[in-house]
Every structure is written in C-alpha cells, then in structure tokens.
C-alpha cells in the first residue's frame, strides 16, 4: 500500500536545481552533502533520513504531492515547478531602502550578497548598493526554480 495523507513516511532524498550543473541544495545523504559542498556550509547539520507526514504541510506542495502513492522501497524523481515549490520570483519582494542611515542601522557598510534579517524575521539578500539606495531581495532563494527530488522511501507507518 502506498503513502497516503496522514502516514508517517521516512525518506532519503536529494534536492537539485534543474540547472546544467544539477546543483544540490538539500540532501539527507552525508556523502552527497560532502561532494556538493553542503556539509562545509552546514557543519552542524546531521544528514539522516527524514520522517514526514505527507499532507500535513511540512513540505513544499509539489514534493508533498509527489510522495503520495509511493511504496516502501520505491525510488522516484519528483519534479516540482515553481508554482508548487517556492513560487515565482516576485519583483514586489525586491525593495529599495534609502542608503542614508542604512549603514548605521546595519552596523557596517552594506555589500552585494550580504544577507540581512528584519525585525519580523524576514531574510533578504542585498542585491545592489549605490550611493543613495540599497536594493534588498526578500524572495526565497529557490523562488522561480524548478526543483528535482531524488527520493527513496525507507519506511511507511
């Protein structure tokens, strides 16, 4: 019997972008994390199978839907378009902040690529700095991306 909403499914997975390099952005496999550089950027993380409840909103919609019906031992590649992942890039999520006072608020001069967090816990990346304006992109880093997840179902409870 395949995975149904409400089941507890334990999976091994690797999430990749559909770019030419097949860039790995997440995985439960330690060896994949080491090969892709994720282990270096996330040194405290433990790489182990993930237990989720499909249908409970724990995963992005397309990944969640792709697990339904899979059986223990199945391996599958689930492709998730942006609208069922992190959404399309939204220009309204890129804001301009006047530079005047921004350096002081930040505690240092802003630089492109710098990540910031608002008081509301929103995370953004500084994408442009001029003498007068700082542009900050609050889109999710995977917004606009088609994602692929290589999944193996370890167990279903």
N, C-alpha and C. Protein backbone atom coordinates (compact mmCIF):
# COMPACT_ATOMS: atom_id res chain seq x y z
N UNK A 1 0.85 -1.19 0.00
CA UNK A 1 0.00 0.00 0.00
C UNK A 1 0.89 1.24 0.00
N UNK A 2 0.57 2.21 -0.83
CA UNK A 2 1.38 3.41 -0.98
C UNK A 2 1.13 4.44 0.11
N UNK A 3 1.97 5.46 0.11
CA UNK A 3 1.86 6.54 1.07
C UNK A 3 0.53 7.27 0.87
N UNK A 4 -0.16 7.52 1.97
CA UNK A 4 -1.41 8.28 1.96
C UNK A 4 -1.27 9.46 2.92
N UNK A 5 -2.06 10.53 2.71
CA UNK A 5 -2.02 11.64 3.66
C UNK A 5 -2.26 11.12 5.08
N UNK A 6 -1.47 11.60 6.01
CA UNK A 6 -1.58 11.18 7.39
C UNK A 6 -0.58 10.11 7.79
N UNK A 7 -0.01 9.40 6.80
CA UNK A 7 1.02 8.40 7.11
C UNK A 7 2.29 9.10 7.59
N UNK A 8 3.14 8.37 8.28
CA UNK A 8 4.48 8.82 8.60
C UNK A 8 5.41 8.11 7.62
N UNK A 9 6.04 8.88 6.76
CA UNK A 9 6.93 8.30 5.75
C UNK A 9 8.36 8.73 6.07
N UNK A 10 9.26 7.77 6.07
CA UNK A 10 10.68 8.06 6.25
C UNK A 10 11.33 7.91 4.89
N UNK A 11 12.05 8.98 4.48
CA UNK A 11 12.63 9.02 3.14
C UNK A 11 14.09 9.45 3.19
N UNK A 12 14.83 8.99 2.20
CA UNK A 12 16.15 9.53 1.88
C UNK A 12 15.91 10.38 0.64
N UNK A 13 16.60 11.51 0.54
CA UNK A 13 16.33 12.39 -0.61
C UNK A 13 17.54 13.25 -0.93
N UNK A 14 17.55 13.72 -2.18
CA UNK A 14 18.48 14.75 -2.62
C UNK A 14 17.69 15.72 -3.48
N UNK A 15 17.74 17.00 -3.11
CA UNK A 15 17.07 18.05 -3.88
C UNK A 15 18.07 18.77 -4.76
N UNK A 16 17.74 18.89 -6.05
CA UNK A 16 18.62 19.54 -7.02
C UNK A 16 17.84 20.59 -7.81
N UNK A 17 18.59 21.59 -8.28
CA UNK A 17 18.03 22.51 -9.25
C UNK A 17 18.08 21.83 -10.61
N UNK A 18 17.27 22.28 -11.52
CA UNK A 18 17.29 21.70 -12.87
C UNK A 18 18.22 22.50 -13.77
N UNK A 19 19.23 23.13 -13.19
CA UNK A 19 20.22 23.85 -13.99
C UNK A 19 21.19 22.85 -14.62
N UNK A 20 22.08 23.33 -15.47
CA UNK A 20 23.01 22.44 -16.17
C UNK A 20 23.88 21.62 -15.22
N UNK A 21 24.23 22.21 -14.08
CA UNK A 21 25.10 21.53 -13.12
C UNK A 21 24.34 20.58 -12.21
N UNK A 22 23.00 20.68 -12.17
CA UNK A 22 22.23 19.87 -11.23
C UNK A 22 22.61 20.20 -9.80
N UNK A 23 22.69 21.50 -9.51
CA UNK A 23 23.15 21.99 -8.21
C UNK A 23 22.32 21.41 -7.07
N UNK A 24 22.99 20.77 -6.12
CA UNK A 24 22.34 20.19 -4.95
C UNK A 24 22.10 21.31 -3.94
N UNK A 25 20.83 21.44 -3.47
CA UNK A 25 20.52 22.45 -2.46
C UNK A 25 20.12 21.83 -1.13
N UNK A 26 19.84 20.52 -1.11
CA UNK A 26 19.47 19.85 0.15
C UNK A 26 19.59 18.35 -0.05
N UNK A 27 19.90 17.64 1.01
CA UNK A 27 20.02 16.18 0.93
C UNK A 27 19.98 15.57 2.33
N UNK A 28 19.62 14.30 2.38
CA UNK A 28 19.71 13.55 3.63
C UNK A 28 20.95 12.66 3.63
N UNK A 29 21.68 12.63 2.52
CA UNK A 29 22.87 11.78 2.37
C UNK A 29 24.14 12.55 2.70
N UNK A 30 24.88 12.11 3.69
CA UNK A 30 26.10 12.80 4.09
C UNK A 30 27.13 12.84 2.97
N UNK A 31 27.28 11.73 2.22
CA UNK A 31 28.28 11.71 1.15
C UNK A 31 27.93 12.70 0.02
N UNK A 32 26.64 12.86 -0.27
CA UNK A 32 26.20 13.84 -1.27
C UNK A 32 26.47 15.25 -0.75
N UNK A 33 26.22 15.46 0.52
CA UNK A 33 26.47 16.78 1.13
C UNK A 33 27.95 17.13 1.06
N UNK A 34 28.81 16.14 1.30
CA UNK A 34 30.26 16.39 1.22
C UNK A 34 30.69 16.68 -0.20
N UNK A 35 30.20 15.90 -1.16
CA UNK A 35 30.57 16.10 -2.57
C UNK A 35 30.09 17.44 -3.11
N UNK A 36 28.93 17.89 -2.66
CA UNK A 36 28.33 19.12 -3.19
C UNK A 36 28.76 20.38 -2.46
N UNK A 37 29.43 20.23 -1.32
CA UNK A 37 29.85 21.39 -0.53
C UNK A 37 28.85 21.80 0.53
N UNK A 38 27.69 21.14 0.59
CA UNK A 38 26.70 21.48 1.61
C UNK A 38 27.24 21.22 3.02
N UNK A 39 27.97 20.13 3.19
CA UNK A 39 28.48 19.78 4.52
C UNK A 39 29.39 20.87 5.05
N UNK A 40 30.15 21.49 4.17
CA UNK A 40 31.05 22.57 4.57
C UNK A 40 30.26 23.82 4.99
N UNK A 41 29.18 24.12 4.26
CA UNK A 41 28.39 25.31 4.57
C UNK A 41 27.41 25.08 5.72
N UNK A 42 27.18 23.81 6.08
CA UNK A 42 26.26 23.48 7.18
C UNK A 42 26.94 22.48 8.11
N UNK A 43 28.03 22.89 8.78
CA UNK A 43 28.84 21.94 9.56
C UNK A 43 28.12 21.30 10.75
N UNK A 44 27.10 21.92 11.27
CA UNK A 44 26.40 21.38 12.44
C UNK A 44 25.27 20.41 12.07
N UNK A 45 24.94 20.34 10.81
CA UNK A 45 23.80 19.54 10.37
C UNK A 45 24.12 18.06 10.41
N UNK A 46 23.13 17.28 10.80
CA UNK A 46 23.22 15.82 10.74
C UNK A 46 22.45 15.37 9.51
N UNK A 47 23.07 14.54 8.70
CA UNK A 47 22.44 14.05 7.47
C UNK A 47 21.89 12.67 7.76
N UNK A 48 20.58 12.57 7.77
CA UNK A 48 19.90 11.31 8.09
C UNK A 48 18.55 11.29 7.41
N UNK A 49 17.91 10.12 7.32
CA UNK A 49 16.60 10.06 6.69
C UNK A 49 15.62 11.03 7.36
N UNK A 50 14.68 11.51 6.58
CA UNK A 50 13.69 12.48 7.03
C UNK A 50 12.35 11.77 7.20
N UNK A 51 11.70 11.98 8.35
CA UNK A 51 10.36 11.43 8.57
C UNK A 51 9.36 12.58 8.48
N UNK A 52 8.40 12.42 7.57
CA UNK A 52 7.40 13.46 7.32
C UNK A 52 6.01 12.86 7.30
N UNK A 53 5.03 13.74 7.43
CA UNK A 53 3.63 13.34 7.30
C UNK A 53 3.07 14.01 6.06
N UNK A 54 3.07 13.30 4.92
CA UNK A 54 2.53 13.90 3.70
C UNK A 54 1.10 14.40 3.92
N UNK A 55 0.83 15.58 3.37
CA UNK A 55 -0.49 16.18 3.51
C UNK A 55 -0.62 17.10 4.71
N UNK A 56 0.40 17.14 5.57
CA UNK A 56 0.34 17.96 6.78
C UNK A 56 0.99 19.33 6.61
N UNK A 57 1.45 19.64 5.39
CA UNK A 57 2.05 20.95 5.15
C UNK A 57 3.47 21.09 5.63
N UNK A 58 4.16 19.98 5.86
CA UNK A 58 5.55 20.02 6.31
C UNK A 58 6.53 20.24 5.16
N UNK A 59 6.08 19.95 3.95
CA UNK A 59 6.94 20.05 2.77
C UNK A 59 6.30 21.01 1.77
N UNK A 60 7.10 21.45 0.79
CA UNK A 60 6.50 22.24 -0.28
C UNK A 60 5.47 21.38 -1.01
N UNK A 61 4.47 22.03 -1.55
CA UNK A 61 3.31 21.35 -2.14
C UNK A 61 3.67 20.26 -3.15
N UNK A 62 4.53 20.57 -4.10
CA UNK A 62 4.85 19.60 -5.15
C UNK A 62 5.59 18.38 -4.66
N UNK A 63 6.45 18.57 -3.66
CA UNK A 63 7.18 17.43 -3.06
C UNK A 63 6.18 16.56 -2.29
N UNK A 64 5.33 17.21 -1.52
CA UNK A 64 4.29 16.53 -0.75
C UNK A 64 3.43 15.67 -1.67
N UNK A 65 2.93 16.27 -2.75
CA UNK A 65 2.06 15.55 -3.69
C UNK A 65 2.80 14.39 -4.35
N UNK A 66 4.09 14.58 -4.64
CA UNK A 66 4.87 13.54 -5.31
C UNK A 66 5.11 12.31 -4.46
N UNK A 67 5.01 12.44 -3.15
CA UNK A 67 5.20 11.29 -2.26
C UNK A 67 3.97 10.39 -2.20
N UNK A 68 2.80 10.98 -2.41
CA UNK A 68 1.54 10.22 -2.30
C UNK A 68 1.55 9.07 -3.31
N UNK A 69 1.26 7.87 -2.82
CA UNK A 69 1.18 6.69 -3.68
C UNK A 69 2.48 5.90 -3.76
N UNK A 70 3.60 6.51 -3.37
CA UNK A 70 4.86 5.75 -3.40
C UNK A 70 4.83 4.67 -2.32
N UNK A 71 5.51 3.57 -2.60
CA UNK A 71 5.54 2.45 -1.66
C UNK A 71 6.92 2.28 -1.07
N UNK A 72 6.97 1.59 0.05
CA UNK A 72 8.24 1.31 0.71
C UNK A 72 9.21 0.67 -0.29
N UNK A 73 10.42 1.19 -0.36
CA UNK A 73 11.43 0.69 -1.28
C UNK A 73 11.45 1.40 -2.63
N UNK A 74 10.39 2.16 -2.94
CA UNK A 74 10.34 2.88 -4.21
C UNK A 74 11.43 3.95 -4.26
N UNK A 75 11.97 4.15 -5.45
CA UNK A 75 12.84 5.29 -5.72
C UNK A 75 12.17 6.06 -6.86
N UNK A 76 12.18 7.37 -6.75
CA UNK A 76 11.45 8.19 -7.71
C UNK A 76 12.14 9.55 -7.80
N UNK A 77 12.03 10.17 -8.96
CA UNK A 77 12.45 11.56 -9.11
C UNK A 77 11.18 12.38 -9.22
N UNK A 78 11.01 13.32 -8.29
CA UNK A 78 9.84 14.18 -8.24
C UNK A 78 10.26 15.56 -8.74
N UNK A 79 9.61 16.03 -9.81
CA UNK A 79 9.90 17.35 -10.36
C UNK A 79 8.85 18.32 -9.84
N UNK A 80 9.32 19.44 -9.30
CA UNK A 80 8.43 20.43 -8.70
C UNK A 80 8.60 21.76 -9.42
N UNK A 81 7.54 22.21 -10.13
CA UNK A 81 7.61 23.52 -10.80
C UNK A 81 7.53 24.64 -9.75
N UNK A 82 7.97 25.84 -10.11
CA UNK A 82 7.99 26.94 -9.14
C UNK A 82 6.65 27.16 -8.42
N UNK A 83 5.55 27.06 -9.16
CA UNK A 83 4.25 27.34 -8.53
C UNK A 83 3.87 26.32 -7.46
N UNK A 84 4.52 25.16 -7.44
CA UNK A 84 4.27 24.16 -6.39
C UNK A 84 5.48 24.02 -5.47
N UNK A 85 6.42 24.95 -5.65
CA UNK A 85 7.62 24.97 -4.81
C UNK A 85 7.64 26.26 -4.00
N UNK A 86 8.56 27.14 -4.35
CA UNK A 86 8.73 28.39 -3.61
C UNK A 86 8.17 29.59 -4.36
N UNK A 87 7.38 29.32 -5.39
CA UNK A 87 6.72 30.38 -6.13
C UNK A 87 7.63 31.03 -7.16
N UNK A 88 7.03 31.89 -7.95
CA UNK A 88 7.77 32.66 -8.94
C UNK A 88 8.49 33.80 -8.24
N UNK A 89 9.55 34.29 -8.86
CA UNK A 89 10.19 35.47 -8.31
C UNK A 89 9.21 36.63 -8.42
N UNK A 90 9.10 37.40 -7.37
CA UNK A 90 8.15 38.50 -7.29
C UNK A 90 8.90 39.80 -7.12
N UNK A 91 8.81 40.68 -8.13
CA UNK A 91 9.52 41.96 -8.07
C UNK A 91 9.09 42.80 -6.87
N UNK A 92 7.88 42.56 -6.37
CA UNK A 92 7.41 43.31 -5.20
C UNK A 92 8.18 42.91 -3.94
N UNK A 93 8.86 41.76 -4.00
CA UNK A 93 9.67 41.30 -2.87
C UNK A 93 11.08 41.89 -2.90
N UNK A 94 11.37 42.70 -3.92
CA UNK A 94 12.66 43.40 -4.00
C UNK A 94 12.37 44.85 -3.64
N UNK A 95 12.91 45.27 -2.50
CA UNK A 95 12.60 46.62 -2.03
C UNK A 95 13.84 47.51 -2.09
N UNK A 96 13.59 48.80 -2.16
CA UNK A 96 14.68 49.77 -2.12
C UNK A 96 14.61 50.50 -0.79
N UNK A 97 15.74 50.62 -0.17
CA UNK A 97 15.86 51.30 1.11
C UNK A 97 16.83 52.46 0.91
N UNK A 98 16.48 53.62 1.41
CA UNK A 98 17.41 54.74 1.30
C UNK A 98 18.68 54.42 2.04
N UNK A 99 19.78 54.72 1.42
CA UNK A 99 21.10 54.41 1.99
C UNK A 99 21.36 55.23 3.26
N UNK A 100 20.81 56.44 3.28
CA UNK A 100 21.01 57.33 4.43
C UNK A 100 20.51 56.63 5.70
N UNK A 101 21.38 56.35 6.62
CA UNK A 101 21.03 55.70 7.88
C UNK A 101 21.07 54.18 7.83
N UNK A 102 21.09 53.62 6.62
CA UNK A 102 21.09 52.16 6.49
C UNK A 102 22.38 51.56 7.03
N UNK A 103 23.53 52.20 6.73
CA UNK A 103 24.82 51.71 7.22
C UNK A 103 24.83 51.65 8.75
N UNK A 104 24.30 52.71 9.35
CA UNK A 104 24.27 52.78 10.82
C UNK A 104 23.36 51.70 11.39
N UNK A 105 22.19 51.52 10.79
CA UNK A 105 21.25 50.51 11.25
C UNK A 105 21.87 49.11 11.12
N UNK A 106 22.58 48.88 10.02
CA UNK A 106 23.20 47.59 9.76
C UNK A 106 24.44 47.38 10.62
N UNK A 107 25.10 48.47 10.98
CA UNK A 107 26.31 48.38 11.79
C UNK A 107 27.58 48.24 10.96
N UNK A 108 27.44 48.29 9.65
CA UNK A 108 28.57 48.21 8.72
C UNK A 108 28.07 48.62 7.34
N UNK A 109 28.99 48.94 6.44
CA UNK A 109 28.54 49.28 5.09
C UNK A 109 27.91 48.07 4.39
N UNK A 110 26.77 48.25 3.72
CA UNK A 110 26.14 47.13 3.01
C UNK A 110 26.96 46.74 1.79
N UNK A 111 26.94 45.43 1.48
CA UNK A 111 27.64 44.91 0.30
C UNK A 111 26.72 43.95 -0.43
N UNK A 112 26.84 43.90 -1.75
CA UNK A 112 26.07 42.93 -2.54
C UNK A 112 26.37 41.53 -2.03
N UNK A 113 25.33 40.70 -1.93
CA UNK A 113 25.48 39.33 -1.47
C UNK A 113 25.30 39.17 0.03
N UNK A 114 25.31 40.26 0.77
CA UNK A 114 25.14 40.22 2.23
C UNK A 114 23.69 39.84 2.55
N UNK A 115 23.51 38.97 3.53
CA UNK A 115 22.19 38.57 3.98
C UNK A 115 21.81 39.40 5.20
N UNK A 116 20.55 39.85 5.24
CA UNK A 116 20.07 40.60 6.40
C UNK A 116 18.77 39.98 6.87
N UNK A 117 18.39 40.31 8.11
CA UNK A 117 17.14 39.83 8.66
C UNK A 117 16.41 41.01 9.29
N UNK A 118 15.11 41.14 8.98
CA UNK A 118 14.32 42.23 9.53
C UNK A 118 13.86 41.88 10.94
N UNK A 119 13.28 42.85 11.61
CA UNK A 119 12.74 42.62 12.94
C UNK A 119 11.59 41.60 12.89
N UNK A 120 10.97 41.47 11.72
CA UNK A 120 9.87 40.50 11.54
C UNK A 120 10.40 39.12 11.11
N UNK A 121 11.72 38.93 11.20
CA UNK A 121 12.39 37.66 10.88
C UNK A 121 12.41 37.34 9.40
N UNK A 122 12.14 38.32 8.55
CA UNK A 122 12.21 38.12 7.11
C UNK A 122 13.68 38.21 6.68
N UNK A 123 14.13 37.24 5.87
CA UNK A 123 15.52 37.21 5.42
C UNK A 123 15.60 37.70 3.99
N UNK A 124 16.56 38.58 3.74
CA UNK A 124 16.74 39.12 2.40
C UNK A 124 18.21 39.22 2.04
N UNK A 125 18.46 39.30 0.75
CA UNK A 125 19.82 39.43 0.23
C UNK A 125 19.98 40.80 -0.41
N UNK A 126 21.05 41.49 -0.04
CA UNK A 126 21.35 42.77 -0.66
C UNK A 126 21.84 42.47 -2.08
N UNK A 127 21.11 43.01 -3.07
CA UNK A 127 21.43 42.71 -4.48
C UNK A 127 22.04 43.89 -5.22
N UNK A 128 21.95 45.10 -4.63
CA UNK A 128 22.54 46.26 -5.29
C UNK A 128 22.75 47.35 -4.25
N UNK A 129 23.91 48.00 -4.32
CA UNK A 129 24.22 49.10 -3.41
C UNK A 129 24.73 50.27 -4.24
N UNK A 130 24.06 51.41 -4.12
CA UNK A 130 24.54 52.64 -4.76
C UNK A 130 24.79 53.66 -3.66
N UNK A 131 25.19 54.83 -4.05
CA UNK A 131 25.45 55.89 -3.08
C UNK A 131 24.19 56.29 -2.33
N UNK A 132 23.01 56.16 -3.00
CA UNK A 132 21.76 56.63 -2.42
C UNK A 132 20.80 55.52 -1.98
N UNK A 133 20.91 54.33 -2.59
CA UNK A 133 19.89 53.30 -2.40
C UNK A 133 20.53 51.92 -2.20
N UNK A 134 19.87 51.11 -1.35
CA UNK A 134 20.22 49.70 -1.18
C UNK A 134 19.01 48.90 -1.62
N UNK A 135 19.21 47.94 -2.56
CA UNK A 135 18.11 47.07 -3.02
C UNK A 135 18.27 45.73 -2.32
N UNK A 136 17.15 45.25 -1.73
CA UNK A 136 17.15 44.00 -0.96
C UNK A 136 16.09 43.08 -1.54
N UNK A 137 16.49 41.85 -1.82
CA UNK A 137 15.60 40.85 -2.40
C UNK A 137 15.12 39.91 -1.29
N UNK A 138 13.81 39.94 -1.02
CA UNK A 138 13.22 39.10 0.01
C UNK A 138 12.54 37.85 -0.56
N UNK A 139 12.73 37.57 -1.86
CA UNK A 139 12.23 36.32 -2.43
C UNK A 139 13.00 35.16 -1.79
N UNK A 140 12.35 34.02 -1.67
CA UNK A 140 13.05 32.82 -1.22
C UNK A 140 14.15 32.52 -2.21
N UNK A 141 15.28 32.02 -1.74
CA UNK A 141 16.41 31.76 -2.64
C UNK A 141 16.09 30.76 -3.75
N UNK A 142 15.06 29.95 -3.58
CA UNK A 142 14.67 28.98 -4.60
C UNK A 142 13.42 29.43 -5.38
N UNK A 143 12.98 30.66 -5.18
CA UNK A 143 11.83 31.18 -5.93
C UNK A 143 12.19 31.19 -7.42
N UNK A 144 11.24 30.78 -8.23
CA UNK A 144 11.43 30.78 -9.68
C UNK A 144 12.14 29.55 -10.21
N UNK A 145 12.56 28.67 -9.33
CA UNK A 145 13.33 27.48 -9.74
C UNK A 145 12.43 26.25 -9.86
N UNK A 146 12.69 25.43 -10.88
CA UNK A 146 12.11 24.10 -10.96
C UNK A 146 13.05 23.18 -10.21
N UNK A 147 12.51 22.39 -9.31
CA UNK A 147 13.30 21.56 -8.42
C UNK A 147 13.10 20.08 -8.74
N UNK A 148 14.12 19.28 -8.50
CA UNK A 148 14.01 17.82 -8.63
C UNK A 148 14.45 17.19 -7.31
N UNK A 149 13.66 16.24 -6.86
CA UNK A 149 14.00 15.49 -5.66
C UNK A 149 14.14 14.02 -6.02
N UNK A 150 15.33 13.46 -5.81
CA UNK A 150 15.53 12.02 -5.93
C UNK A 150 15.17 11.45 -4.56
N UNK A 151 14.15 10.59 -4.53
CA UNK A 151 13.60 10.10 -3.27
C UNK A 151 13.66 8.59 -3.21
N UNK A 152 13.97 8.07 -2.03
CA UNK A 152 13.83 6.64 -1.76
C UNK A 152 12.98 6.52 -0.50
N UNK A 153 11.89 5.75 -0.59
CA UNK A 153 11.02 5.54 0.56
C UNK A 153 11.61 4.44 1.43
N UNK A 154 12.03 4.80 2.63
CA UNK A 154 12.66 3.86 3.56
C UNK A 154 11.61 3.07 4.30
N UNK A 155 10.58 3.76 4.82
CA UNK A 155 9.51 3.08 5.54
C UNK A 155 8.25 3.94 5.55
N UNK A 156 7.12 3.28 5.80
CA UNK A 156 5.82 3.94 5.91
C UNK A 156 5.15 3.40 7.16
N UNK A 157 4.72 4.27 8.03
CA UNK A 157 3.99 3.87 9.25
C UNK A 157 2.62 4.50 9.28
